[in-house]
């Protein structure tokens, strides 16, 4: 597996599993974009919960997040990752990406 550089483009890189260099434009690798998004559904709020109880729940959540950085908070909601796999590694990975 090959992780991208800061521009999300492979440079002259080495794929350790395949023990080979990957060169842009050679057609020797796949670029894979993985995007994970937290459950986009609105939260379930019991119908019998009073506005004051709901407000306390929200305040408690805000307090829990007070020491969480903006980046950490975003990573809990949405995450995007771009990886590059050589052709051989891609063929194995695409059949079982969670392995």
N, C-alpha and C. Protein backbone atom coordinates (compact mmCIF):
# COMPACT_ATOMS: atom_id res chain seq x y z
N UNK A 1 0.85 -1.17 0.00
CA UNK A 1 0.00 0.00 0.00
C UNK A 1 0.89 1.22 0.00
N UNK A 2 0.49 2.23 -0.71
CA UNK A 2 1.25 3.46 -0.82
C UNK A 2 0.39 4.63 -0.39
N UNK A 3 0.86 5.40 0.55
CA UNK A 3 0.13 6.59 0.98
C UNK A 3 0.61 7.75 0.15
N UNK A 4 -0.28 8.69 -0.11
CA UNK A 4 0.07 9.80 -0.99
C UNK A 4 0.88 10.85 -0.27
N UNK A 5 1.43 11.75 -1.08
CA UNK A 5 2.10 12.90 -0.50
C UNK A 5 1.06 13.97 -0.20
N UNK A 6 1.47 15.15 0.21
CA UNK A 6 0.53 16.20 0.64
C UNK A 6 -0.41 16.66 -0.47
N UNK A 7 -0.02 16.51 -1.70
CA UNK A 7 -0.87 16.94 -2.82
C UNK A 7 -1.80 15.84 -3.30
N UNK A 8 -1.84 14.73 -2.58
CA UNK A 8 -2.65 13.57 -2.95
C UNK A 8 -2.27 13.02 -4.32
N UNK A 9 -1.00 13.15 -4.66
CA UNK A 9 -0.50 12.58 -5.90
C UNK A 9 0.75 11.75 -5.58
N UNK A 10 0.87 10.60 -6.17
CA UNK A 10 2.08 9.83 -5.90
C UNK A 10 3.28 10.47 -6.58
N UNK A 11 4.37 10.48 -5.92
CA UNK A 11 5.61 10.91 -6.53
C UNK A 11 6.38 9.66 -6.88
N UNK A 12 7.67 9.76 -6.89
CA UNK A 12 8.48 8.55 -7.07
C UNK A 12 8.43 7.81 -5.75
N UNK A 13 7.65 6.75 -5.69
CA UNK A 13 7.36 6.07 -4.43
C UNK A 13 7.64 4.59 -4.54
N UNK A 14 7.73 3.99 -3.39
CA UNK A 14 7.98 2.57 -3.29
C UNK A 14 6.79 1.89 -2.64
N UNK A 15 6.28 0.83 -3.23
CA UNK A 15 5.18 0.06 -2.67
C UNK A 15 5.80 -1.13 -1.93
N UNK A 16 5.86 -1.08 -0.60
CA UNK A 16 6.56 -2.14 0.15
C UNK A 16 6.02 -3.54 -0.09
N UNK A 17 4.69 -3.70 -0.14
CA UNK A 17 4.13 -5.05 -0.31
C UNK A 17 4.55 -5.64 -1.66
N UNK A 18 4.59 -4.81 -2.68
CA UNK A 18 4.94 -5.30 -4.01
C UNK A 18 6.44 -5.21 -4.28
N UNK A 19 7.16 -4.50 -3.42
CA UNK A 19 8.60 -4.29 -3.57
C UNK A 19 8.93 -3.69 -4.93
N UNK A 20 8.21 -2.58 -5.25
CA UNK A 20 8.47 -1.92 -6.53
C UNK A 20 8.16 -0.44 -6.43
N UNK A 21 8.82 0.31 -7.29
CA UNK A 21 8.56 1.74 -7.39
C UNK A 21 7.31 1.98 -8.23
N UNK A 22 6.58 3.02 -7.90
CA UNK A 22 5.40 3.42 -8.67
C UNK A 22 5.70 4.76 -9.32
N UNK A 23 5.41 4.85 -10.60
CA UNK A 23 5.70 6.07 -11.35
C UNK A 23 4.41 6.62 -11.95
N UNK A 24 4.08 7.89 -11.65
CA UNK A 24 2.87 8.51 -12.22
C UNK A 24 2.90 8.44 -13.75
N UNK A 25 1.74 8.16 -14.33
CA UNK A 25 1.61 8.08 -15.78
C UNK A 25 1.93 6.73 -16.36
N UNK A 26 2.39 5.81 -15.54
CA UNK A 26 2.78 4.50 -16.05
C UNK A 26 1.61 3.52 -16.11
N UNK A 27 0.49 3.85 -15.45
CA UNK A 27 -0.64 2.93 -15.41
C UNK A 27 -0.40 1.76 -14.50
N UNK A 28 0.59 1.88 -13.61
CA UNK A 28 0.99 0.75 -12.77
C UNK A 28 0.34 0.77 -11.39
N UNK A 29 -0.61 1.67 -11.16
CA UNK A 29 -1.23 1.71 -9.84
C UNK A 29 -2.64 2.27 -9.93
N UNK A 30 -3.39 2.10 -8.84
CA UNK A 30 -4.74 2.65 -8.70
C UNK A 30 -4.73 3.69 -7.60
N UNK A 31 -5.48 4.75 -7.80
CA UNK A 31 -5.72 5.74 -6.75
C UNK A 31 -7.08 5.42 -6.16
N UNK A 32 -7.13 5.25 -4.86
CA UNK A 32 -8.37 4.91 -4.17
C UNK A 32 -8.72 6.04 -3.21
N UNK A 33 -9.95 6.52 -3.30
CA UNK A 33 -10.44 7.55 -2.39
C UNK A 33 -11.46 6.92 -1.46
N UNK A 34 -11.21 7.05 -0.18
CA UNK A 34 -12.11 6.51 0.84
C UNK A 34 -12.72 7.68 1.58
N UNK A 35 -14.03 7.73 1.64
CA UNK A 35 -14.71 8.79 2.36
C UNK A 35 -15.66 8.16 3.37
N UNK A 36 -15.48 8.51 4.61
CA UNK A 36 -16.33 7.99 5.69
C UNK A 36 -17.08 9.16 6.31
N UNK A 37 -18.38 8.98 6.47
CA UNK A 37 -19.23 10.03 7.05
C UNK A 37 -20.03 9.40 8.19
N UNK A 38 -20.05 10.10 9.33
CA UNK A 38 -20.83 9.63 10.48
C UNK A 38 -22.31 9.58 10.10
N UNK A 39 -23.06 8.84 10.82
CA UNK A 39 -24.50 8.69 10.59
C UNK A 39 -25.13 10.07 10.34
N UNK A 40 -25.63 10.31 9.12
CA UNK A 40 -26.18 11.63 8.79
C UNK A 40 -27.61 11.84 9.29
N UNK A 41 -28.19 10.84 9.91
CA UNK A 41 -29.56 10.95 10.41
C UNK A 41 -29.62 11.88 11.61
N UNK A 42 -30.72 12.61 11.77
CA UNK A 42 -30.84 13.44 12.97
C UNK A 42 -30.92 12.55 14.21
N UNK A 43 -30.48 13.06 15.37
CA UNK A 43 -30.52 12.23 16.57
C UNK A 43 -31.95 11.90 16.98
N UNK A 44 -32.09 10.76 17.60
CA UNK A 44 -33.40 10.35 18.11
C UNK A 44 -33.61 11.07 19.44
N UNK A 45 -34.68 11.83 19.52
CA UNK A 45 -35.02 12.57 20.73
C UNK A 45 -36.38 12.07 21.20
N UNK A 46 -36.43 11.52 22.42
CA UNK A 46 -37.72 11.04 22.92
C UNK A 46 -38.76 12.17 22.91
N UNK A 47 -39.95 11.85 22.46
CA UNK A 47 -41.01 12.85 22.36
C UNK A 47 -41.45 13.42 23.70
N UNK A 48 -41.22 12.68 24.77
CA UNK A 48 -41.67 13.14 26.08
C UNK A 48 -40.59 13.94 26.83
N UNK A 49 -39.47 14.20 26.16
CA UNK A 49 -38.39 14.93 26.81
C UNK A 49 -38.68 16.43 26.79
N UNK A 50 -38.59 17.05 27.94
CA UNK A 50 -38.90 18.48 28.03
C UNK A 50 -37.76 19.30 27.42
N UNK A 51 -38.05 20.50 26.98
CA UNK A 51 -37.00 21.36 26.42
C UNK A 51 -35.84 21.60 27.39
N UNK A 52 -36.12 21.69 28.69
CA UNK A 52 -35.04 21.92 29.66
C UNK A 52 -34.12 20.71 29.77
N UNK A 53 -34.68 19.50 29.70
CA UNK A 53 -33.87 18.28 29.74
C UNK A 53 -33.02 18.20 28.47
N UNK A 54 -33.64 18.48 27.35
CA UNK A 54 -32.91 18.48 26.08
C UNK A 54 -31.78 19.50 26.11
N UNK A 55 -32.03 20.68 26.64
CA UNK A 55 -31.01 21.73 26.74
C UNK A 55 -29.84 21.26 27.60
N UNK A 56 -30.11 20.57 28.70
CA UNK A 56 -29.04 20.05 29.57
C UNK A 56 -28.21 19.00 28.83
N UNK A 57 -28.87 18.16 28.04
CA UNK A 57 -28.13 17.16 27.24
C UNK A 57 -27.20 17.84 26.24
N UNK A 58 -27.69 18.88 25.60
CA UNK A 58 -26.87 19.62 24.63
C UNK A 58 -25.71 20.30 25.33
N UNK A 59 -25.97 20.92 26.47
CA UNK A 59 -24.90 21.58 27.23
C UNK A 59 -23.83 20.59 27.67
N UNK A 60 -24.26 19.40 28.09
CA UNK A 60 -23.32 18.36 28.52
C UNK A 60 -22.44 17.92 27.34
N UNK A 61 -23.04 17.77 26.16
CA UNK A 61 -22.29 17.40 24.97
C UNK A 61 -21.28 18.48 24.61
N UNK A 62 -21.69 19.74 24.67
CA UNK A 62 -20.78 20.85 24.37
C UNK A 62 -19.61 20.84 25.35
N UNK A 63 -19.89 20.57 26.61
CA UNK A 63 -18.82 20.51 27.61
C UNK A 63 -17.85 19.38 27.31
N UNK A 64 -18.36 18.23 26.89
CA UNK A 64 -17.50 17.09 26.55
C UNK A 64 -16.59 17.42 25.37
N UNK A 65 -17.06 18.27 24.48
CA UNK A 65 -16.29 18.61 23.28
C UNK A 65 -15.36 19.80 23.49
N UNK A 66 -15.41 20.42 24.63
CA UNK A 66 -14.63 21.64 24.88
C UNK A 66 -13.13 21.45 24.64
N UNK A 67 -12.59 20.31 25.01
CA UNK A 67 -11.15 20.06 24.87
C UNK A 67 -10.78 19.32 23.58
N UNK A 68 -11.75 19.15 22.70
CA UNK A 68 -11.50 18.47 21.44
C UNK A 68 -11.14 19.51 20.39
N UNK A 69 -10.05 19.28 19.69
CA UNK A 69 -9.64 20.24 18.66
C UNK A 69 -10.62 20.20 17.49
N UNK A 70 -10.57 21.24 16.68
CA UNK A 70 -11.45 21.30 15.50
C UNK A 70 -11.18 20.11 14.58
N UNK A 71 -9.92 19.76 14.40
CA UNK A 71 -9.54 18.64 13.54
C UNK A 71 -10.08 17.32 14.09
N UNK A 72 -9.91 17.12 15.40
CA UNK A 72 -10.42 15.89 16.02
C UNK A 72 -11.93 15.78 15.89
N UNK A 73 -12.62 16.90 16.06
CA UNK A 73 -14.08 16.90 15.94
C UNK A 73 -14.49 16.55 14.51
N UNK A 74 -13.82 17.14 13.52
CA UNK A 74 -14.15 16.83 12.13
C UNK A 74 -13.86 15.38 11.79
N UNK A 75 -12.76 14.84 12.33
CA UNK A 75 -12.43 13.44 12.06
C UNK A 75 -13.48 12.49 12.62
N UNK A 76 -14.22 12.94 13.63
CA UNK A 76 -15.29 12.11 14.19
C UNK A 76 -16.54 12.18 13.33
N UNK A 77 -16.61 13.13 12.41
CA UNK A 77 -17.80 13.32 11.58
C UNK A 77 -17.54 12.91 10.14
N UNK A 78 -16.41 13.34 9.59
CA UNK A 78 -16.10 13.08 8.19
C UNK A 78 -14.61 12.88 8.04
N UNK A 79 -14.24 11.88 7.25
CA UNK A 79 -12.84 11.59 7.02
C UNK A 79 -12.65 11.18 5.58
N UNK A 80 -11.65 11.73 4.93
CA UNK A 80 -11.34 11.40 3.54
C UNK A 80 -9.88 10.99 3.47
N UNK A 81 -9.63 9.90 2.78
CA UNK A 81 -8.28 9.36 2.68
C UNK A 81 -8.04 8.93 1.24
N UNK A 82 -6.89 9.25 0.70
CA UNK A 82 -6.52 8.84 -0.64
C UNK A 82 -5.28 7.95 -0.52
N UNK A 83 -5.37 6.76 -1.09
CA UNK A 83 -4.23 5.84 -1.09
C UNK A 83 -3.96 5.41 -2.52
N UNK A 84 -2.77 4.89 -2.74
CA UNK A 84 -2.40 4.34 -4.05
C UNK A 84 -1.94 2.91 -3.84
N UNK A 85 -2.44 2.03 -4.67
CA UNK A 85 -2.04 0.62 -4.64
C UNK A 85 -1.50 0.23 -6.00
N UNK A 86 -0.42 -0.53 -6.01
CA UNK A 86 0.06 -1.05 -7.29
C UNK A 86 -1.01 -1.99 -7.84
N UNK A 87 -0.94 -2.28 -9.12
CA UNK A 87 -1.97 -3.11 -9.75
C UNK A 87 -2.16 -4.45 -9.06
N UNK A 88 -1.06 -5.11 -8.72
CA UNK A 88 -1.15 -6.43 -8.07
C UNK A 88 -1.83 -6.33 -6.71
N UNK A 89 -1.42 -5.35 -5.90
CA UNK A 89 -2.02 -5.18 -4.58
C UNK A 89 -3.50 -4.78 -4.69
N UNK A 90 -3.82 -3.97 -5.68
CA UNK A 90 -5.21 -3.54 -5.88
C UNK A 90 -6.12 -4.74 -6.14
N UNK A 91 -5.68 -5.65 -7.00
CA UNK A 91 -6.52 -6.81 -7.33
C UNK A 91 -6.88 -7.61 -6.08
N UNK A 92 -5.97 -7.77 -5.16
CA UNK A 92 -6.27 -8.47 -3.92
C UNK A 92 -7.12 -7.64 -2.98
N UNK A 93 -6.82 -6.36 -2.91
CA UNK A 93 -7.53 -5.46 -1.99
C UNK A 93 -8.98 -5.26 -2.38
N UNK A 94 -9.27 -5.10 -3.66
CA UNK A 94 -10.64 -4.79 -4.10
C UNK A 94 -11.60 -5.94 -3.80
N UNK A 95 -11.10 -7.16 -3.76
CA UNK A 95 -11.95 -8.31 -3.46
C UNK A 95 -12.29 -8.39 -1.97
N UNK A 96 -11.45 -7.83 -1.13
CA UNK A 96 -11.70 -7.88 0.32
C UNK A 96 -11.05 -6.65 0.97
N UNK A 97 -11.63 -5.46 0.78
CA UNK A 97 -10.99 -4.23 1.26
C UNK A 97 -10.89 -4.12 2.79
N UNK A 98 -11.66 -4.88 3.51
CA UNK A 98 -11.62 -4.80 4.98
C UNK A 98 -10.62 -5.77 5.60
N UNK A 99 -9.92 -6.51 4.77
CA UNK A 99 -8.99 -7.51 5.34
C UNK A 99 -7.75 -6.87 5.92
